[in-house]
Amino acid sequence: MDKSQSNVAEQELNPCEHMTDLVSRRSDNTLAGPAKWYTDFHVATCPKCKKALIGLRQVNAQVKEMSSTDPNLKLDEKDWKSIEAGWDQEEKGFQSGT
């Protein structure tokens, strides 16, 4: 993937700044209650966040598919939490510009 494709991919996975955590958590179905309702409402009315949610769900599905088809990539709940924590850390660094 060249740099221009990478930038497009990053833009497509970046929701509105105030929705980053909510869209990420919605993509892996860890939201409930009013936060879930608000996120669903916002995504329904915001093309940027809708595109980000769809993209994140595709990434999640691809990673899970890889882990189920490659015996060397079997991930348990602890592994997924570690991956998610790493993504959250990267996301915070990206938002702060570091």
N, C-alpha and C. Protein backbone atom coordinates (compact mmCIF):
# COMPACT_ATOMS: atom_id res chain seq x y z
N MET A 1 0.85 -1.17 0.00
CA MET A 1 0.00 0.00 0.00
C MET A 1 0.90 1.24 0.00
N ASP A 2 0.67 2.15 -0.94
CA ASP A 2 1.49 3.35 -0.97
C ASP A 2 0.93 4.38 0.01
N LYS A 3 1.66 5.48 0.16
CA LYS A 3 1.31 6.49 1.17
C LYS A 3 -0.07 7.09 0.94
N SER A 4 -0.44 7.34 -0.32
CA SER A 4 -1.75 7.93 -0.59
C SER A 4 -2.87 6.97 -0.21
N GLN A 5 -2.68 5.67 -0.46
CA GLN A 5 -3.69 4.69 -0.06
C GLN A 5 -3.79 4.61 1.45
N SER A 6 -2.65 4.68 2.14
CA SER A 6 -2.64 4.64 3.59
C SER A 6 -3.40 5.83 4.17
N ASN A 7 -3.17 7.03 3.63
CA ASN A 7 -3.88 8.21 4.11
C ASN A 7 -5.38 8.09 3.91
N VAL A 8 -5.81 7.54 2.77
CA VAL A 8 -7.23 7.35 2.53
C VAL A 8 -7.79 6.37 3.55
N ALA A 9 -7.07 5.26 3.79
CA ALA A 9 -7.54 4.28 4.77
C ALA A 9 -7.66 4.90 6.15
N GLU A 10 -6.68 5.71 6.55
CA GLU A 10 -6.74 6.36 7.86
C GLU A 10 -7.93 7.30 7.94
N GLN A 11 -8.18 8.06 6.88
CA GLN A 11 -9.30 8.99 6.89
C GLN A 11 -10.62 8.25 6.99
N GLU A 12 -10.71 7.10 6.31
CA GLU A 12 -11.95 6.34 6.33
C GLU A 12 -12.22 5.69 7.68
N LEU A 13 -11.19 5.48 8.48
CA LEU A 13 -11.39 4.88 9.79
C LEU A 13 -11.43 5.91 10.92
N ASN A 14 -11.41 7.18 10.58
CA ASN A 14 -11.42 8.22 11.59
C ASN A 14 -12.79 8.89 11.67
N PRO A 15 -13.53 8.61 12.73
CA PRO A 15 -14.82 9.28 12.93
C PRO A 15 -14.60 10.71 13.44
N CYS A 16 -15.69 11.41 13.67
CA CYS A 16 -15.61 12.73 14.28
C CYS A 16 -14.82 12.61 15.59
N GLU A 17 -14.08 13.64 15.92
CA GLU A 17 -13.19 13.57 17.08
C GLU A 17 -13.91 13.18 18.37
N HIS A 18 -15.09 13.74 18.58
CA HIS A 18 -15.82 13.44 19.83
C HIS A 18 -16.46 12.05 19.83
N MET A 19 -16.40 11.35 18.69
CA MET A 19 -17.03 10.04 18.56
C MET A 19 -16.03 8.88 18.49
N THR A 20 -14.75 9.17 18.56
CA THR A 20 -13.73 8.15 18.34
C THR A 20 -13.92 6.93 19.23
N ASP A 21 -14.00 7.13 20.53
CA ASP A 21 -14.13 6.00 21.45
C ASP A 21 -15.47 5.29 21.26
N LEU A 22 -16.53 6.06 21.09
CA LEU A 22 -17.86 5.46 20.95
C LEU A 22 -17.96 4.61 19.69
N VAL A 23 -17.46 5.13 18.57
CA VAL A 23 -17.53 4.36 17.32
C VAL A 23 -16.66 3.11 17.42
N SER A 24 -15.49 3.23 18.02
CA SER A 24 -14.63 2.08 18.20
C SER A 24 -15.32 1.01 19.04
N ARG A 25 -15.91 1.42 20.13
CA ARG A 25 -16.59 0.46 21.01
C ARG A 25 -17.86 -0.10 20.35
N ARG A 26 -18.51 0.70 19.52
CA ARG A 26 -19.70 0.20 18.82
C ARG A 26 -19.31 -0.84 17.77
N SER A 27 -18.13 -0.67 17.18
CA SER A 27 -17.69 -1.59 16.15
C SER A 27 -17.49 -3.00 16.68
N ASP A 28 -17.17 -3.12 17.97
CA ASP A 28 -17.00 -4.46 18.54
C ASP A 28 -18.09 -4.79 19.56
N ASN A 29 -19.20 -4.07 19.46
CA ASN A 29 -20.40 -4.35 20.27
C ASN A 29 -20.17 -4.31 21.77
N THR A 30 -19.39 -3.33 22.24
CA THR A 30 -19.18 -3.21 23.68
C THR A 30 -19.89 -1.99 24.28
N LEU A 31 -20.81 -1.40 23.53
CA LEU A 31 -21.59 -0.29 24.04
C LEU A 31 -22.97 -0.77 24.46
N ALA A 32 -23.55 -0.09 25.45
CA ALA A 32 -24.91 -0.41 25.87
C ALA A 32 -25.59 0.87 26.34
N GLY A 33 -26.87 0.80 26.52
CA GLY A 33 -27.63 1.90 27.08
C GLY A 33 -27.59 3.17 26.25
N PRO A 34 -27.62 4.32 26.93
CA PRO A 34 -27.67 5.60 26.22
C PRO A 34 -26.48 5.84 25.29
N ALA A 35 -25.30 5.35 25.65
CA ALA A 35 -24.13 5.54 24.79
C ALA A 35 -24.34 4.83 23.45
N LYS A 36 -24.91 3.64 23.49
CA LYS A 36 -25.19 2.90 22.27
C LYS A 36 -26.25 3.64 21.44
N TRP A 37 -27.30 4.07 22.09
CA TRP A 37 -28.35 4.79 21.38
C TRP A 37 -27.79 6.05 20.73
N TYR A 38 -27.04 6.84 21.49
CA TYR A 38 -26.47 8.07 20.95
C TYR A 38 -25.55 7.78 19.76
N THR A 39 -24.71 6.77 19.90
CA THR A 39 -23.78 6.42 18.82
C THR A 39 -24.55 5.99 17.57
N ASP A 40 -25.55 5.15 17.74
CA ASP A 40 -26.35 4.72 16.59
C ASP A 40 -27.03 5.91 15.92
N PHE A 41 -27.56 6.82 16.71
CA PHE A 41 -28.20 8.01 16.15
C PHE A 41 -27.19 8.85 15.39
N HIS A 42 -26.04 9.10 15.99
CA HIS A 42 -25.03 9.94 15.35
C HIS A 42 -24.54 9.29 14.05
N VAL A 43 -24.24 8.01 14.10
CA VAL A 43 -23.74 7.30 12.92
C VAL A 43 -24.77 7.35 11.79
N ALA A 44 -26.04 7.28 12.14
CA ALA A 44 -27.09 7.32 11.13
C ALA A 44 -27.16 8.68 10.42
N THR A 45 -26.66 9.71 11.08
CA THR A 45 -26.76 11.06 10.50
C THR A 45 -25.42 11.65 10.07
N CYS A 46 -24.33 10.92 10.30
CA CYS A 46 -23.00 11.44 10.00
C CYS A 46 -22.26 10.49 9.05
N PRO A 47 -22.07 10.89 7.79
CA PRO A 47 -21.39 10.01 6.83
C PRO A 47 -19.97 9.63 7.25
N LYS A 48 -19.25 10.55 7.87
CA LYS A 48 -17.87 10.27 8.29
C LYS A 48 -17.83 9.15 9.34
N CYS A 49 -18.71 9.23 10.32
CA CYS A 49 -18.74 8.22 11.37
C CYS A 49 -19.31 6.90 10.85
N LYS A 50 -20.27 6.97 9.94
CA LYS A 50 -20.81 5.75 9.35
C LYS A 50 -19.72 5.00 8.59
N LYS A 51 -18.93 5.74 7.81
CA LYS A 51 -17.84 5.12 7.06
C LYS A 51 -16.80 4.52 8.01
N ALA A 52 -16.51 5.22 9.09
CA ALA A 52 -15.54 4.71 10.07
C ALA A 52 -16.05 3.45 10.74
N LEU A 53 -17.32 3.42 11.11
CA LEU A 53 -17.89 2.24 11.76
C LEU A 53 -17.86 1.03 10.83
N ILE A 54 -18.25 1.24 9.59
CA ILE A 54 -18.22 0.15 8.61
C ILE A 54 -16.79 -0.36 8.44
N GLY A 55 -15.84 0.55 8.32
CA GLY A 55 -14.44 0.17 8.15
C GLY A 55 -13.89 -0.59 9.35
N LEU A 56 -14.20 -0.13 10.55
CA LEU A 56 -13.73 -0.80 11.75
C LEU A 56 -14.34 -2.19 11.89
N ARG A 57 -15.60 -2.32 11.53
CA ARG A 57 -16.23 -3.65 11.59
C ARG A 57 -15.58 -4.59 10.59
N GLN A 58 -15.21 -4.08 9.43
CA GLN A 58 -14.52 -4.91 8.44
C GLN A 58 -13.16 -5.35 8.95
N VAL A 59 -12.42 -4.44 9.58
CA VAL A 59 -11.12 -4.79 10.15
C VAL A 59 -11.29 -5.85 11.24
N ASN A 60 -12.25 -5.65 12.13
CA ASN A 60 -12.50 -6.63 13.19
C ASN A 60 -12.83 -8.00 12.61
N ALA A 61 -13.67 -8.03 11.58
CA ALA A 61 -14.06 -9.30 10.96
C ALA A 61 -12.87 -9.98 10.31
N GLN A 62 -12.01 -9.20 9.65
CA GLN A 62 -10.83 -9.77 9.00
C GLN A 62 -9.87 -10.36 10.02
N VAL A 63 -9.65 -9.66 11.11
CA VAL A 63 -8.75 -10.16 12.15
C VAL A 63 -9.32 -11.44 12.76
N LYS A 64 -10.61 -11.45 13.05
CA LYS A 64 -11.22 -12.65 13.63
C LYS A 64 -11.19 -13.81 12.64
N GLU A 65 -11.40 -13.53 11.37
CA GLU A 65 -11.34 -14.58 10.36
C GLU A 65 -9.94 -15.16 10.27
N MET A 66 -8.94 -14.29 10.28
CA MET A 66 -7.56 -14.77 10.23
C MET A 66 -7.25 -15.64 11.44
N SER A 67 -7.72 -15.23 12.60
CA SER A 67 -7.41 -15.99 13.81
C SER A 67 -8.13 -17.33 13.83
N SER A 68 -9.24 -17.44 13.11
CA SER A 68 -9.95 -18.72 13.11
C SER A 68 -9.46 -19.67 12.02
N THR A 69 -8.76 -19.16 11.01
CA THR A 69 -8.30 -20.02 9.92
C THR A 69 -6.83 -20.38 10.02
N ASP A 70 -6.06 -19.61 10.77
CA ASP A 70 -4.63 -19.88 10.92
C ASP A 70 -4.38 -20.38 12.34
N PRO A 71 -3.96 -21.63 12.49
CA PRO A 71 -3.77 -22.18 13.84
C PRO A 71 -2.74 -21.42 14.66
N ASN A 72 -1.85 -20.69 14.01
CA ASN A 72 -0.86 -19.90 14.74
C ASN A 72 -1.44 -18.58 15.25
N LEU A 73 -2.64 -18.24 14.82
CA LEU A 73 -3.25 -16.98 15.22
C LEU A 73 -4.47 -17.15 16.12
N LYS A 74 -4.53 -18.23 16.85
CA LYS A 74 -5.65 -18.43 17.77
C LYS A 74 -5.55 -17.41 18.90
N LEU A 75 -6.57 -16.57 19.01
CA LEU A 75 -6.57 -15.52 20.02
C LEU A 75 -7.67 -15.78 21.03
N ASP A 76 -7.31 -15.68 22.30
CA ASP A 76 -8.32 -15.81 23.34
C ASP A 76 -8.75 -14.42 23.80
N GLU A 77 -9.64 -14.38 24.78
CA GLU A 77 -10.18 -13.10 25.25
C GLU A 77 -9.07 -12.16 25.74
N LYS A 78 -8.07 -12.72 26.43
CA LYS A 78 -6.95 -11.91 26.92
C LYS A 78 -6.19 -11.28 25.75
N ASP A 79 -5.99 -12.05 24.69
CA ASP A 79 -5.30 -11.52 23.51
C ASP A 79 -6.09 -10.37 22.88
N TRP A 80 -7.41 -10.56 22.74
CA TRP A 80 -8.24 -9.51 22.14
C TRP A 80 -8.20 -8.23 22.99
N LYS A 81 -8.25 -8.39 24.30
CA LYS A 81 -8.19 -7.21 25.17
C LYS A 81 -6.85 -6.49 25.02
N SER A 82 -5.79 -7.24 24.86
CA SER A 82 -4.47 -6.66 24.65
C SER A 82 -4.41 -5.91 23.32
N ILE A 83 -4.97 -6.52 22.28
CA ILE A 83 -5.01 -5.85 20.97
C ILE A 83 -5.81 -4.57 21.05
N GLU A 84 -6.98 -4.64 21.67
CA GLU A 84 -7.84 -3.45 21.80
C GLU A 84 -7.14 -2.36 22.61
N ALA A 85 -6.45 -2.73 23.66
CA ALA A 85 -5.72 -1.75 24.48
C ALA A 85 -4.63 -1.08 23.64
N GLY A 86 -3.95 -1.88 22.82
CA GLY A 86 -2.92 -1.32 21.94
C GLY A 86 -3.50 -0.36 20.93
N TRP A 87 -4.66 -0.71 20.36
CA TRP A 87 -5.31 0.18 19.40
C TRP A 87 -5.74 1.47 20.09
N ASP A 88 -6.28 1.33 21.31
CA ASP A 88 -6.69 2.53 22.06
C ASP A 88 -5.49 3.44 22.31
N GLN A 89 -4.34 2.86 22.66
CA GLN A 89 -3.13 3.64 22.91
C GLN A 89 -2.68 4.34 21.63
N GLU A 90 -2.70 3.63 20.52
CA GLU A 90 -2.34 4.22 19.23
C GLU A 90 -3.27 5.35 18.88
N GLU A 91 -4.56 5.15 19.12
CA GLU A 91 -5.57 6.15 18.82
C GLU A 91 -5.32 7.42 19.63
N LYS A 92 -4.99 7.28 20.91
CA LYS A 92 -4.71 8.43 21.76
C LYS A 92 -3.49 9.18 21.27
N GLY A 93 -2.45 8.44 20.86
CA GLY A 93 -1.25 9.07 20.31
C GLY A 93 -1.55 9.79 19.02
N PHE A 94 -2.38 9.19 18.18
CA PHE A 94 -2.75 9.80 16.89
C PHE A 94 -3.51 11.10 17.12
N GLN A 95 -4.43 11.08 18.08
CA GLN A 95 -5.24 12.27 18.37
C GLN A 95 -4.39 13.40 18.96
N SER A 96 -3.38 13.05 19.74
CA SER A 96 -2.55 14.07 20.36
C SER A 96 -1.43 14.55 19.43
N GLY A 97 -1.30 13.86 18.28
CA GLY A 97 -0.31 14.27 17.30
C GLY A 97 1.06 13.68 17.51
N THR A 98 1.17 12.68 18.40
CA THR A 98 2.48 12.05 18.63
C THR A 98 2.61 10.77 17.87
